[in-house]
Amino acid sequence: MTKIIVSYCLKPQVTKEEYEKYFRKEKYSLVTSFPSVKSFELNKVVNVMEGEKTADYMGILEIESLEAYQKDRETEKFLAR
């Protein structure tokens, strides 16, 4: 298994509540429908130990392989979002 860590920075006009609702209702179900994805979790970045916070959320995906995940992302279902 391979893990991918993705940082998400919200646009100024998007609230955390709006993003979390979008994640629960749309993004999570889409990404976890991919055969290559074994798990997907979203973590809110509250603070950092050093420097400035550069992301609002961190997504952690556990995938079968990078090649399989890239293939899943090329589907019409993913590209249409």
C-alpha atoms as a PDB file:
ATOM      1  CA  MET A   1       0.000   0.000   0.000  1.00  0.00           C
ATOM      2  CA  THR A   2       0.989   3.582  -0.683  1.00  0.00           C
ATOM      3  CA  LYS A   3      -0.136   6.710   1.126  1.00  0.00           C
ATOM      4  CA  ILE A   4      -0.696  10.106  -0.462  1.00  0.00           C
ATOM      5  CA  ILE A   5      -0.902  13.212   1.692  1.00  0.00           C
ATOM      6  CA  VAL A   6      -2.683  16.157   0.105  1.00  0.00           C
ATOM      7  CA  SER A   7      -2.885  19.673   1.520  1.00  0.00           C
ATOM      8  CA  TYR A   8      -6.027  21.698   0.911  1.00  0.00           C
ATOM      9  CA  CYS A   9      -6.086  25.501   1.144  1.00  0.00           C
ATOM     10  CA  LEU A  10      -9.548  26.989   1.096  1.00  0.00           C
ATOM     11  CA  LYS A  11     -10.342  29.965  -1.088  1.00  0.00           C
ATOM     12  CA  PRO A  12     -11.184  33.065   0.968  1.00  0.00           C
ATOM     13  CA  GLN A  13     -14.869  32.874  -0.015  1.00  0.00           C
ATOM     14  CA  VAL A  14     -15.248  29.241   1.142  1.00  0.00           C
ATOM     15  CA  THR A  15     -15.973  28.618   4.812  1.00  0.00           C
ATOM     16  CA  LYS A  16     -14.726  25.570   6.678  1.00  0.00           C
ATOM     17  CA  GLU A  17     -18.329  24.498   7.179  1.00  0.00           C
ATOM     18  CA  GLU A  18     -18.997  24.665   3.427  1.00  0.00           C
ATOM     19  CA  TYR A  19     -15.872  22.661   2.626  1.00  0.00           C
ATOM     20  CA  GLU A  20     -16.610  20.002   5.229  1.00  0.00           C
ATOM     21  CA  LYS A  21     -20.158  19.634   3.853  1.00  0.00           C
ATOM     22  CA  TYR A  22     -18.788  19.324   0.293  1.00  0.00           C
ATOM     23  CA  PHE A  23     -16.236  16.777   1.471  1.00  0.00           C
ATOM     24  CA  ARG A  24     -18.855  14.616   3.226  1.00  0.00           C
ATOM     25  CA  LYS A  25     -21.506  14.825   0.496  1.00  0.00           C
ATOM     26  CA  GLU A  26     -19.405  14.731  -2.682  1.00  0.00           C
ATOM     27  CA  LYS A  27     -15.653  14.341  -2.545  1.00  0.00           C
ATOM     28  CA  TYR A  28     -15.419  11.475  -0.050  1.00  0.00           C
ATOM     29  CA  SER A  29     -17.914   9.259  -1.850  1.00  0.00           C
ATOM     30  CA  LEU A  30     -16.350   9.966  -5.243  1.00  0.00           C
ATOM     31  CA  VAL A  31     -12.775   9.247  -4.172  1.00  0.00           C
ATOM     32  CA  THR A  32     -13.618   6.174  -2.105  1.00  0.00           C
ATOM     33  CA  SER A  33     -15.549   4.749  -5.074  1.00  0.00           C
ATOM     34  CA  PHE A  34     -12.234   4.300  -6.904  1.00  0.00           C
ATOM     35  CA  PRO A  35     -11.072   0.674  -6.787  1.00  0.00           C
ATOM     36  CA  SER A  36      -7.522   1.859  -6.053  1.00  0.00           C
ATOM     37  CA  VAL A  37      -8.485   3.767  -2.875  1.00  0.00           C
ATOM     38  CA  LYS A  38      -8.490   1.727   0.314  1.00  0.00           C
ATOM     39  CA  SER A  39      -9.135   4.637   2.707  1.00  0.00           C
ATOM     40  CA  PHE A  40      -9.458   8.417   2.692  1.00  0.00           C
ATOM     41  CA  GLU A  41      -9.567  10.710   5.691  1.00  0.00           C
ATOM     42  CA  LEU A  42      -9.649  14.456   6.119  1.00  0.00           C
ATOM     43  CA  ASN A  43      -7.867  16.208   8.986  1.00  0.00           C
ATOM     44  CA  LYS A  44      -8.343  19.857   9.923  1.00  0.00           C
ATOM     45  CA  VAL A  45      -5.087  21.742  10.453  1.00  0.00           C
ATOM     46  CA  VAL A  46      -5.531  23.601  13.722  1.00  0.00           C
ATOM     47  CA  ASN A  47      -1.985  24.791  14.392  1.00  0.00           C
ATOM     48  CA  VAL A  48       1.625  24.115  13.424  1.00  0.00           C
ATOM     49  CA  MET A  49       4.685  23.673  15.599  1.00  0.00           C
ATOM     50  CA  GLU A  50       6.912  25.940  13.514  1.00  0.00           C
ATOM     51  CA  GLY A  51       6.375  28.576  10.862  1.00  0.00           C
ATOM     52  CA  GLU A  52       3.062  29.595   9.393  1.00  0.00           C
ATOM     53  CA  LYS A  53       0.091  27.359   8.680  1.00  0.00           C
ATOM     54  CA  THR A  54       0.104  26.612   4.932  1.00  0.00           C
ATOM     55  CA  ALA A  55      -3.023  24.460   4.677  1.00  0.00           C
ATOM     56  CA  ASP A  56      -6.508  24.304   6.153  1.00  0.00           C
ATOM     57  CA  TYR A  57      -6.898  20.535   5.785  1.00  0.00           C
ATOM     58  CA  MET A  58      -4.735  17.509   5.088  1.00  0.00           C
ATOM     59  CA  GLY A  59      -6.158  14.541   3.247  1.00  0.00           C
ATOM     60  CA  ILE A  60      -4.598  11.110   3.692  1.00  0.00           C
ATOM     61  CA  LEU A  61      -5.334   8.498   1.054  1.00  0.00           C
ATOM     62  CA  GLU A  62      -4.246   4.892   1.292  1.00  0.00           C
ATOM     63  CA  ILE A  63      -4.080   3.531  -2.237  1.00  0.00           C
ATOM     64  CA  GLU A  64      -3.268   0.279  -3.987  1.00  0.00           C
ATOM     65  CA  SER A  65      -0.627   1.926  -6.203  1.00  0.00           C
ATOM     66  CA  LEU A  66       0.062   5.347  -7.663  1.00  0.00           C
ATOM     67  CA  GLU A  67      -0.465   4.001 -11.173  1.00  0.00           C
ATOM     68  CA  ALA A  68      -3.900   2.576 -10.335  1.00  0.00           C
ATOM     69  CA  TYR A  69      -4.938   5.802  -8.586  1.00  0.00           C
ATOM     70  CA  GLN A  70      -3.834   7.930 -11.542  1.00  0.00           C
ATOM     71  CA  LYS A  71      -5.862   5.681 -13.851  1.00  0.00           C
ATOM     72  CA  ASP A  72      -8.943   6.087 -11.624  1.00  0.00           C
ATOM     73  CA  ARG A  73      -8.539   9.875 -11.737  1.00  0.00           C
ATOM     74  CA  GLU A  74      -8.708   9.814 -15.541  1.00  0.00           C
ATOM     75  CA  THR A  75     -12.296   8.581 -15.513  1.00  0.00           C
ATOM     76  CA  GLU A  76     -15.114  10.784 -16.782  1.00  0.00           C
ATOM     77  CA  LYS A  77     -16.708  10.685 -13.329  1.00  0.00           C
ATOM     78  CA  PHE A  78     -13.649  12.336 -11.742  1.00  0.00           C
ATOM     79  CA  LEU A  79     -12.933  14.784 -14.542  1.00  0.00           C
ATOM     80  CA  ALA A  80     -16.566  15.990 -14.606  1.00  0.00           C
ATOM     81  CA  ARG A  81     -16.500  17.292 -11.039  1.00  0.00           C
END
